[in-house]
Amino acid sequence: MIKGIVRTTIFEKELKRYGLSVELIKVLNYLIERQALPQKYNNHRLQGKYSDFYDCHVKPDLILIYRYKDDYLELARLGTHSELFKC
């Protein structure tokens, strides 16, 4: 179990935009308990400058970017693929 949750300022803004859906609550419960996410969430580690982070698909085009840092869960971003990974 984690000690706490850290939410970035941008995550807070994005959460207001997308809302706290049932699916997001399910994902957060898995992450808080440090349980493996079911395959349907397509959880995977990011590469490059975000190599400390993971992303999972809360919905087909709603992505949560997060990481575990020490004993905390950091919620970094929430948005669509095109919003989060602009080329």
PDB file of N, CA and C in Angstrom:
ATOM      1  N   MET A   1       0.854  -1.184   0.000  1.00  0.00           N
ATOM      2  CA  MET A   1       0.000   0.000   0.000  1.00  0.00           C
ATOM      3  C   MET A   1       0.896   1.242   0.000  1.00  0.00           C
ATOM      4  N   ILE A   2       0.411   2.293  -0.596  1.00  0.00           N
ATOM      5  CA  ILE A   2       1.175   3.538  -0.675  1.00  0.00           C
ATOM      6  C   ILE A   2       0.905   4.415   0.549  1.00  0.00           C
ATOM      7  N   LYS A   3       1.804   5.375   0.784  1.00  0.00           N
ATOM      8  CA  LYS A   3       1.624   6.307   1.902  1.00  0.00           C
ATOM      9  C   LYS A   3       0.692   7.457   1.543  1.00  0.00           C
ATOM     10  N   GLY A   4       0.646   7.804   0.268  1.00  0.00           N
ATOM     11  CA  GLY A   4      -0.190   8.924  -0.140  1.00  0.00           C
ATOM     12  C   GLY A   4      -0.175   9.120  -1.644  1.00  0.00           C
ATOM     13  N   ILE A   5      -0.953  10.085  -2.093  1.00  0.00           N
ATOM     14  CA  ILE A   5      -1.071  10.405  -3.513  1.00  0.00           C
ATOM     15  C   ILE A   5      -0.634  11.847  -3.720  1.00  0.00           C
ATOM     16  N   VAL A   6       0.215  12.042  -4.715  1.00  0.00           N
ATOM     17  CA  VAL A   6       0.654  13.375  -5.110  1.00  0.00           C
ATOM     18  C   VAL A   6       0.027  13.659  -6.472  1.00  0.00           C
ATOM     19  N   ARG A   7      -0.650  14.792  -6.592  1.00  0.00           N
ATOM     20  CA  ARG A   7      -1.294  15.175  -7.858  1.00  0.00           C
ATOM     21  C   ARG A   7      -0.626  16.444  -8.368  1.00  0.00           C
ATOM     22  N   THR A   8      -0.176  16.410  -9.618  1.00  0.00           N
ATOM     23  CA  THR A   8       0.417  17.614 -10.190  1.00  0.00           C
ATOM     24  C   THR A   8      -0.680  18.639 -10.451  1.00  0.00           C
ATOM     25  N   THR A   9      -0.285  19.883 -10.566  1.00  0.00           N
ATOM     26  CA  THR A   9      -1.243  20.959 -10.841  1.00  0.00           C
ATOM     27  C   THR A   9      -1.959  20.721 -12.159  1.00  0.00           C
ATOM     28  N   ILE A  10      -1.212  20.290 -13.169  1.00  0.00           N
ATOM     29  CA  ILE A  10      -1.840  20.059 -14.477  1.00  0.00           C
ATOM     30  C   ILE A  10      -2.809  18.877 -14.410  1.00  0.00           C
ATOM     31  N   PHE A  11      -2.472  17.846 -13.623  1.00  0.00           N
ATOM     32  CA  PHE A  11      -3.400  16.729 -13.448  1.00  0.00           C
ATOM     33  C   PHE A  11      -4.703  17.218 -12.824  1.00  0.00           C
ATOM     34  N   GLU A  12      -4.617  18.082 -11.830  1.00  0.00           N
ATOM     35  CA  GLU A  12      -5.819  18.624 -11.182  1.00  0.00           C
ATOM     36  C   GLU A  12      -6.718  19.328 -12.198  1.00  0.00           C
ATOM     37  N   LYS A  13      -6.121  20.121 -13.078  1.00  0.00           N
ATOM     38  CA  LYS A  13      -6.898  20.818 -14.112  1.00  0.00           C
ATOM     39  C   LYS A  13      -7.534  19.824 -15.076  1.00  0.00           C
ATOM     40  N   GLU A  14      -6.762  18.818 -15.465  1.00  0.00           N
ATOM     41  CA  GLU A  14      -7.280  17.819 -16.404  1.00  0.00           C
ATOM     42  C   GLU A  14      -8.370  16.973 -15.758  1.00  0.00           C
ATOM     43  N   LEU A  15      -8.243  16.698 -14.476  1.00  0.00           N
ATOM     44  CA  LEU A  15      -9.273  15.940 -13.767  1.00  0.00           C
ATOM     45  C   LEU A  15     -10.586  16.714 -13.738  1.00  0.00           C
ATOM     46  N   LYS A  16     -10.511  18.018 -13.542  1.00  0.00           N
ATOM     47  CA  LYS A  16     -11.729  18.839 -13.589  1.00  0.00           C
ATOM     48  C   LYS A  16     -12.373  18.762 -14.967  1.00  0.00           C
ATOM     49  N   ARG A  17     -11.553  18.725 -15.989  1.00  0.00           N
ATOM     50  CA  ARG A  17     -12.060  18.668 -17.363  1.00  0.00           C
ATOM     51  C   ARG A  17     -12.740  17.332 -17.663  1.00  0.00           C
ATOM     52  N   TYR A  18     -12.098  16.230 -17.273  1.00  0.00           N
ATOM     53  CA  TYR A  18     -12.608  14.901 -17.629  1.00  0.00           C
ATOM     54  C   TYR A  18     -13.491  14.277 -16.559  1.00  0.00           C
ATOM     55  N   GLY A  19     -13.373  14.729 -15.330  1.00  0.00           N
ATOM     56  CA  GLY A  19     -14.201  14.189 -14.261  1.00  0.00           C
ATOM     57  C   GLY A  19     -13.675  12.874 -13.710  1.00  0.00           C
ATOM     58  N   LEU A  20     -14.234  12.494 -12.591  1.00  0.00           N
ATOM     59  CA  LEU A  20     -13.836  11.275 -11.897  1.00  0.00           C
ATOM     60  C   LEU A  20     -14.805  10.166 -12.288  1.00  0.00           C
ATOM     61  N   SER A  21     -14.479   9.456 -13.351  1.00  0.00           N
ATOM     62  CA  SER A  21     -15.355   8.399 -13.858  1.00  0.00           C
ATOM     63  C   SER A  21     -15.204   7.124 -13.031  1.00  0.00           C
ATOM     64  N   VAL A  22     -16.151   6.232 -13.191  1.00  0.00           N
ATOM     65  CA  VAL A  22     -16.100   4.936 -12.514  1.00  0.00           C
ATOM     66  C   VAL A  22     -14.833   4.196 -12.924  1.00  0.00           C
ATOM     67  N   GLU A  23     -14.491   4.239 -14.204  1.00  0.00           N
ATOM     68  CA  GLU A  23     -13.289   3.545 -14.682  1.00  0.00           C
ATOM     69  C   GLU A  23     -12.029   4.132 -14.065  1.00  0.00           C
ATOM     70  N   LEU A  24     -11.951   5.439 -13.941  1.00  0.00           N
ATOM     71  CA  LEU A  24     -10.776   6.061 -13.328  1.00  0.00           C
ATOM     72  C   LEU A  24     -10.673   5.651 -11.860  1.00  0.00           C
ATOM     73  N   ILE A  25     -11.780   5.596 -11.167  1.00  0.00           N
ATOM     74  CA  ILE A  25     -11.771   5.151  -9.766  1.00  0.00           C
ATOM     75  C   ILE A  25     -11.260   3.717  -9.668  1.00  0.00           C
ATOM     76  N   LYS A  26     -11.692   2.849 -10.581  1.00  0.00           N
ATOM     77  CA  LYS A  26     -11.217   1.460 -10.583  1.00  0.00           C
ATOM     78  C   LYS A  26      -9.705   1.410 -10.764  1.00  0.00           C
ATOM     79  N   VAL A  27      -9.200   2.173 -11.741  1.00  0.00           N
ATOM     80  CA  VAL A  27      -7.760   2.201 -12.001  1.00  0.00           C
ATOM     81  C   VAL A  27      -7.015   2.704 -10.767  1.00  0.00           C
ATOM     82  N   LEU A  28      -7.494   3.791 -10.177  1.00  0.00           N
ATOM     83  CA  LEU A  28      -6.830   4.349  -9.000  1.00  0.00           C
ATOM     84  C   LEU A  28      -6.817   3.357  -7.840  1.00  0.00           C
ATOM     85  N   ASN A  29      -7.877   2.601  -7.668  1.00  0.00           N
ATOM     86  CA  ASN A  29      -7.902   1.588  -6.608  1.00  0.00           C
ATOM     87  C   ASN A  29      -6.822   0.535  -6.822  1.00  0.00           C
ATOM     88  N   TYR A  30      -6.666   0.068  -8.069  1.00  0.00           N
ATOM     89  CA  TYR A  30      -5.586  -0.882  -8.374  1.00  0.00           C
ATOM     90  C   TYR A  30      -4.230  -0.270  -8.034  1.00  0.00           C
ATOM     91  N   LEU A  31      -4.021   0.983  -8.459  1.00  0.00           N
ATOM     92  CA  LEU A  31      -2.721   1.628  -8.258  1.00  0.00           C
ATOM     93  C   LEU A  31      -2.432   1.876  -6.781  1.00  0.00           C
ATOM     94  N   ILE A  32      -3.433   2.294  -6.029  1.00  0.00           N
ATOM     95  CA  ILE A  32      -3.253   2.536  -4.594  1.00  0.00           C
ATOM     96  C   ILE A  32      -2.861   1.251  -3.872  1.00  0.00           C
ATOM     97  N   GLU A  33      -3.452   0.144  -4.287  1.00  0.00           N
ATOM     98  CA  GLU A  33      -3.144  -1.158  -3.684  1.00  0.00           C
ATOM     99  C   GLU A  33      -1.884  -1.781  -4.278  1.00  0.00           C
ATOM    100  N   ARG A  34      -1.287  -1.110  -5.263  1.00  0.00           N
ATOM    101  CA  ARG A  34      -0.094  -1.593  -5.984  1.00  0.00           C
ATOM    102  C   ARG A  34      -0.353  -2.952  -6.622  1.00  0.00           C
ATOM    103  N   GLN A  35      -1.558  -3.132  -7.132  1.00  0.00           N
ATOM    104  CA  GLN A  35      -1.918  -4.356  -7.839  1.00  0.00           C
ATOM    105  C   GLN A  35      -1.693  -4.151  -9.331  1.00  0.00           C
ATOM    106  N   ALA A  36      -1.405  -5.243 -10.019  1.00  0.00           N
ATOM    107  CA  ALA A  36      -1.249  -5.174 -11.471  1.00  0.00           C
ATOM    108  C   ALA A  36      -2.586  -4.802 -12.102  1.00  0.00           C
ATOM    109  N   LEU A  37      -2.532  -3.912 -13.072  1.00  0.00           N
ATOM    110  CA  LEU A  37      -3.753  -3.524 -13.780  1.00  0.00           C
ATOM    111  C   LEU A  37      -4.152  -4.621 -14.758  1.00  0.00           C
ATOM    112  N   PRO A  38      -5.448  -4.881 -14.906  1.00  0.00           N
ATOM    113  CA  PRO A  38      -5.893  -5.834 -15.921  1.00  0.00           C
ATOM    114  C   PRO A  38      -5.421  -5.399 -17.315  1.00  0.00           C
ATOM    115  N   GLN A  39      -5.232  -6.356 -18.179  1.00  0.00           N
ATOM    116  CA  GLN A  39      -4.705  -6.119 -19.524  1.00  0.00           C
ATOM    117  C   GLN A  39      -5.504  -5.079 -20.306  1.00  0.00           C
ATOM    118  N   LYS A  40      -6.799  -4.977 -20.053  1.00  0.00           N
ATOM    119  CA  LYS A  40      -7.634  -4.051 -20.832  1.00  0.00           C
ATOM    120  C   LYS A  40      -7.191  -2.597 -20.694  1.00  0.00           C
ATOM    121  N   TYR A  41      -6.423  -2.278 -19.649  1.00  0.00           N
ATOM    122  CA  TYR A  41      -5.958  -0.904 -19.448  1.00  0.00           C
ATOM    123  C   TYR A  41      -4.651  -0.596 -20.182  1.00  0.00           C
ATOM    124  N   ASN A  42      -4.066  -1.606 -20.826  1.00  0.00           N
ATOM    125  CA  ASN A  42      -2.858  -1.423 -21.645  1.00  0.00           C
ATOM    126  C   ASN A  42      -1.784  -0.630 -20.887  1.00  0.00           C
ATOM    127  N   ASN A  43      -1.502  -1.038 -19.682  1.00  0.00           N
ATOM    128  CA  ASN A  43      -0.518  -0.362 -18.834  1.00  0.00           C
ATOM    129  C   ASN A  43       0.889  -0.637 -19.352  1.00  0.00           C
ATOM    130  N   HIS A  44       1.694   0.404 -19.501  1.00  0.00           N
ATOM    131  CA  HIS A  44       3.076   0.209 -19.946  1.00  0.00           C
ATOM    132  C   HIS A  44       3.957   1.385 -19.536  1.00  0.00           C
ATOM    133  N   ARG A  45       5.242   1.089 -19.439  1.00  0.00           N
ATOM    134  CA  ARG A  45       6.234   2.110 -19.079  1.00  0.00           C
ATOM    135  C   ARG A  45       6.489   2.990 -20.293  1.00  0.00           C
ATOM    136  N   LEU A  46       6.650   4.275 -20.025  1.00  0.00           N
ATOM    137  CA  LEU A  46       6.981   5.214 -21.091  1.00  0.00           C
ATOM    138  C   LEU A  46       8.490   5.218 -21.319  1.00  0.00           C
ATOM    139  N   GLN A  47       8.909   5.814 -22.423  1.00  0.00           N
ATOM    140  CA  GLN A  47      10.323   5.833 -22.788  1.00  0.00           C
ATOM    141  C   GLN A  47      10.835   7.257 -22.853  1.00  0.00           C
ATOM    142  N   GLY A  48      12.136   7.372 -23.026  1.00  0.00           N
ATOM    143  CA  GLY A  48      12.754   8.681 -23.179  1.00  0.00           C
ATOM    144  C   GLY A  48      12.733   9.467 -21.887  1.00  0.00           C
ATOM    145  N   LYS A  49      12.415  10.764 -22.003  1.00  0.00           N
ATOM    146  CA  LYS A  49      12.455  11.619 -20.812  1.00  0.00           C
ATOM    147  C   LYS A  49      11.375  11.270 -19.792  1.00  0.00           C
ATOM    148  N   TYR A  50      10.405  10.440 -20.183  1.00  0.00           N
ATOM    149  CA  TYR A  50       9.345  10.009 -19.270  1.00  0.00           C
ATOM    150  C   TYR A  50       9.538   8.565 -18.812  1.00  0.00           C
ATOM    151  N   SER A  51      10.765   8.069 -18.850  1.00  0.00           N
ATOM    152  CA  SER A  51      11.008   6.653 -18.565  1.00  0.00           C
ATOM    153  C   SER A  51      10.676   6.246 -17.124  1.00  0.00           C
ATOM    154  N   ASP A  52      10.512   7.199 -16.228  1.00  0.00           N
ATOM    155  CA  ASP A  52      10.102   6.883 -14.850  1.00  0.00           C
ATOM    156  C   ASP A  52       8.591   6.723 -14.724  1.00  0.00           C
ATOM    157  N   PHE A  53       7.855   7.021 -15.787  1.00  0.00           N
ATOM    158  CA  PHE A  53       6.395   7.054 -15.740  1.00  0.00           C
ATOM    159  C   PHE A  53       5.779   5.883 -16.497  1.00  0.00           C
ATOM    160  N   TYR A  54       4.531   5.609 -16.160  1.00  0.00           N
ATOM    161  CA  TYR A  54       3.714   4.615 -16.855  1.00  0.00           C
ATOM    162  C   TYR A  54       2.502   5.327 -17.423  1.00  0.00           C
ATOM    163  N   ASP A  55       1.916   4.712 -18.448  1.00  0.00           N
ATOM    164  CA  ASP A  55       0.609   5.202 -18.886  1.00  0.00           C
ATOM    165  C   ASP A  55      -0.337   4.033 -19.011  1.00  0.00           C
ATOM    166  N   CYS A  56      -1.587   4.287 -18.713  1.00  0.00           N
ATOM    167  CA  CYS A  56      -2.623   3.276 -18.859  1.00  0.00           C
ATOM    168  C   CYS A  56      -3.848   3.939 -19.468  1.00  0.00           C
ATOM    169  N   HIS A  57      -4.608   3.138 -20.192  1.00  0.00           N
ATOM    170  CA  HIS A  57      -5.791   3.635 -20.892  1.00  0.00           C
ATOM    171  C   HIS A  57      -7.021   3.402 -20.012  1.00  0.00           C
ATOM    172  N   VAL A  58      -7.455   4.465 -19.357  1.00  0.00           N
ATOM    173  CA  VAL A  58      -8.643   4.403 -18.506  1.00  0.00           C
ATOM    174  C   VAL A  58      -9.855   4.079 -19.375  1.00  0.00           C
ATOM    175  N   LYS A  59      -9.904   4.707 -20.531  1.00  0.00           N
ATOM    176  CA  LYS A  59     -10.894   4.458 -21.579  1.00  0.00           C
ATOM    177  C   LYS A  59     -10.097   4.397 -22.875  1.00  0.00           C
ATOM    178  N   PRO A  60     -10.702   3.973 -23.985  1.00  0.00           N
ATOM    179  CA  PRO A  60      -9.908   3.849 -25.215  1.00  0.00           C
ATOM    180  C   PRO A  60      -9.063   5.083 -25.557  1.00  0.00           C
ATOM    181  N   ASP A  61      -9.572   6.288 -25.353  1.00  0.00           N
ATOM    182  CA  ASP A  61      -8.753   7.469 -25.634  1.00  0.00           C
ATOM    183  C   ASP A  61      -8.701   8.412 -24.430  1.00  0.00           C
ATOM    184  N   LEU A  62      -8.574   7.838 -23.247  1.00  0.00           N
ATOM    185  CA  LEU A  62      -8.329   8.626 -22.038  1.00  0.00           C
ATOM    186  C   LEU A  62      -7.186   7.954 -21.289  1.00  0.00           C
ATOM    187  N   ILE A  63      -6.065   8.656 -21.224  1.00  0.00           N
ATOM    188  CA  ILE A  63      -4.829   8.086 -20.706  1.00  0.00           C
ATOM    189  C   ILE A  63      -4.461   8.742 -19.380  1.00  0.00           C
ATOM    190  N   LEU A  64      -4.032   7.913 -18.449  1.00  0.00           N
ATOM    191  CA  LEU A  64      -3.503   8.374 -17.169  1.00  0.00           C
ATOM    192  C   LEU A  64      -2.001   8.136 -17.173  1.00  0.00           C
ATOM    193  N   ILE A  65      -1.228   9.178 -16.881  1.00  0.00           N
ATOM    194  CA  ILE A  65       0.220   9.046 -16.743  1.00  0.00           C
ATOM    195  C   ILE A  65       0.537   9.168 -15.258  1.00  0.00           C
ATOM    196  N   TYR A  66       1.297   8.197 -14.747  1.00  0.00           N
ATOM    197  CA  TYR A  66       1.573   8.136 -13.314  1.00  0.00           C
ATOM    198  C   TYR A  66       2.928   7.493 -13.061  1.00  0.00           C
ATOM    199  N   ARG A  67       3.370   7.576 -11.822  1.00  0.00           N
ATOM    200  CA  ARG A  67       4.562   6.846 -11.390  1.00  0.00           C
ATOM    201  C   ARG A  67       4.504   6.649  -9.883  1.00  0.00           C
ATOM    202  N   TYR A  68       5.273   5.674  -9.434  1.00  0.00           N
ATOM    203  CA  TYR A  68       5.486   5.485  -8.007  1.00  0.00           C
ATOM    204  C   TYR A  68       6.817   6.144  -7.675  1.00  0.00           C
ATOM    205  N   LYS A  69       6.807   7.020  -6.703  1.00  0.00           N
ATOM    206  CA  LYS A  69       8.031   7.686  -6.267  1.00  0.00           C
ATOM    207  C   LYS A  69       8.120   7.505  -4.764  1.00  0.00           C
ATOM    208  N   ASP A  70       9.156   6.794  -4.347  1.00  0.00           N
ATOM    209  CA  ASP A  70       9.279   6.374  -2.956  1.00  0.00           C
ATOM    210  C   ASP A  70       8.018   5.575  -2.618  1.00  0.00           C
ATOM    211  N   ASP A  71       7.288   5.943  -1.607  1.00  0.00           N
ATOM    212  CA  ASP A  71       6.063   5.212  -1.249  1.00  0.00           C
ATOM    213  C   ASP A  71       4.809   5.985  -1.628  1.00  0.00           C
ATOM    214  N   TYR A  72       4.941   6.849  -2.616  1.00  0.00           N
ATOM    215  CA  TYR A  72       3.823   7.687  -3.045  1.00  0.00           C
ATOM    216  C   TYR A  72       3.449   7.390  -4.492  1.00  0.00           C
ATOM    217  N   LEU A  73       2.188   7.587  -4.801  1.00  0.00           N
ATOM    218  CA  LEU A  73       1.689   7.492  -6.166  1.00  0.00           C
ATOM    219  C   LEU A  73       1.559   8.911  -6.695  1.00  0.00           C
ATOM    220  N   GLU A  74       2.269   9.217  -7.763  1.00  0.00           N
ATOM    221  CA  GLU A  74       2.183  10.543  -8.379  1.00  0.00           C
ATOM    222  C   GLU A  74       1.311  10.463  -9.622  1.00  0.00           C
ATOM    223  N   LEU A  75       0.229  11.217  -9.633  1.00  0.00           N
ATOM    224  CA  LEU A  75      -0.664  11.309 -10.779  1.00  0.00           C
ATOM    225  C   LEU A  75      -0.235  12.539 -11.560  1.00  0.00           C
ATOM    226  N   ALA A  76       0.333  12.316 -12.754  1.00  0.00           N
ATOM    227  CA  ALA A  76       0.976  13.400 -13.492  1.00  0.00           C
ATOM    228  C   ALA A  76       0.079  14.051 -14.535  1.00  0.00           C
ATOM    229  N   ARG A  77      -0.598  13.235 -15.350  1.00  0.00           N
ATOM    230  CA  ARG A  77      -1.406  13.784 -16.448  1.00  0.00           C
ATOM    231  C   ARG A  77      -2.629  12.908 -16.685  1.00  0.00           C
ATOM    232  N   LEU A  78      -3.645  13.494 -17.311  1.00  0.00           N
ATOM    233  CA  LEU A  78      -4.860  12.784 -17.695  1.00  0.00           C
ATOM    234  C   LEU A  78      -5.382  13.451 -18.952  1.00  0.00           C
ATOM    235  N   GLY A  79      -5.505  12.698 -20.035  1.00  0.00           N
ATOM    236  CA  GLY A  79      -6.004  13.293 -21.271  1.00  0.00           C
ATOM    237  C   GLY A  79      -5.986  12.307 -22.416  1.00  0.00           C
ATOM    238  N   THR A  80      -6.307  12.813 -23.595  1.00  0.00           N
ATOM    239  CA  THR A  80      -6.293  11.974 -24.790  1.00  0.00           C
ATOM    240  C   THR A  80      -4.863  11.802 -25.274  1.00  0.00           C
ATOM    241  N   HIS A  81      -4.662  10.814 -26.121  1.00  0.00           N
ATOM    242  CA  HIS A  81      -3.331  10.554 -26.662  1.00  0.00           C
ATOM    243  C   HIS A  81      -2.798  11.784 -27.386  1.00  0.00           C
ATOM    244  N   SER A  82      -3.626  12.414 -28.198  1.00  0.00           N
ATOM    245  CA  SER A  82      -3.163  13.582 -28.961  1.00  0.00           C
ATOM    246  C   SER A  82      -2.843  14.773 -28.054  1.00  0.00           C
ATOM    247  N   GLU A  83      -3.531  14.906 -26.936  1.00  0.00           N
ATOM    248  CA  GLU A  83      -3.238  15.995 -25.995  1.00  0.00           C
ATOM    249  C   GLU A  83      -1.922  15.763 -25.249  1.00  0.00           C
ATOM    250  N   LEU A  84      -1.690  14.517 -24.874  1.00  0.00           N
ATOM    251  CA  LEU A  84      -0.541  14.208 -24.031  1.00  0.00           C
ATOM    252  C   LEU A  84       0.747  13.980 -24.801  1.00  0.00           C
ATOM    253  N   PHE A  85       0.630  13.509 -26.032  1.00  0.00           N
ATOM    254  CA  PHE A  85       1.822  13.148 -26.804  1.00  0.00           C
ATOM    255  C   PHE A  85       1.874  13.909 -28.115  1.00  0.00           C
ATOM    256  N   LYS A  86       1.815  15.227 -28.031  1.00  0.00           N
ATOM    257  CA  LYS A  86       1.900  16.065 -29.229  1.00  0.00           C
ATOM    258  C   LYS A  86       3.293  15.937 -29.818  1.00  0.00           C
ATOM    259  N   CYS A  87       3.346  15.757 -31.110  1.00  0.00           N
ATOM    260  CA  CYS A  87       4.652  15.620 -31.788  1.00  0.00           C
ATOM    261  C   CYS A  87       5.233  16.973 -32.137  1.00  0.00           C
TER     262      CYS A  87
END
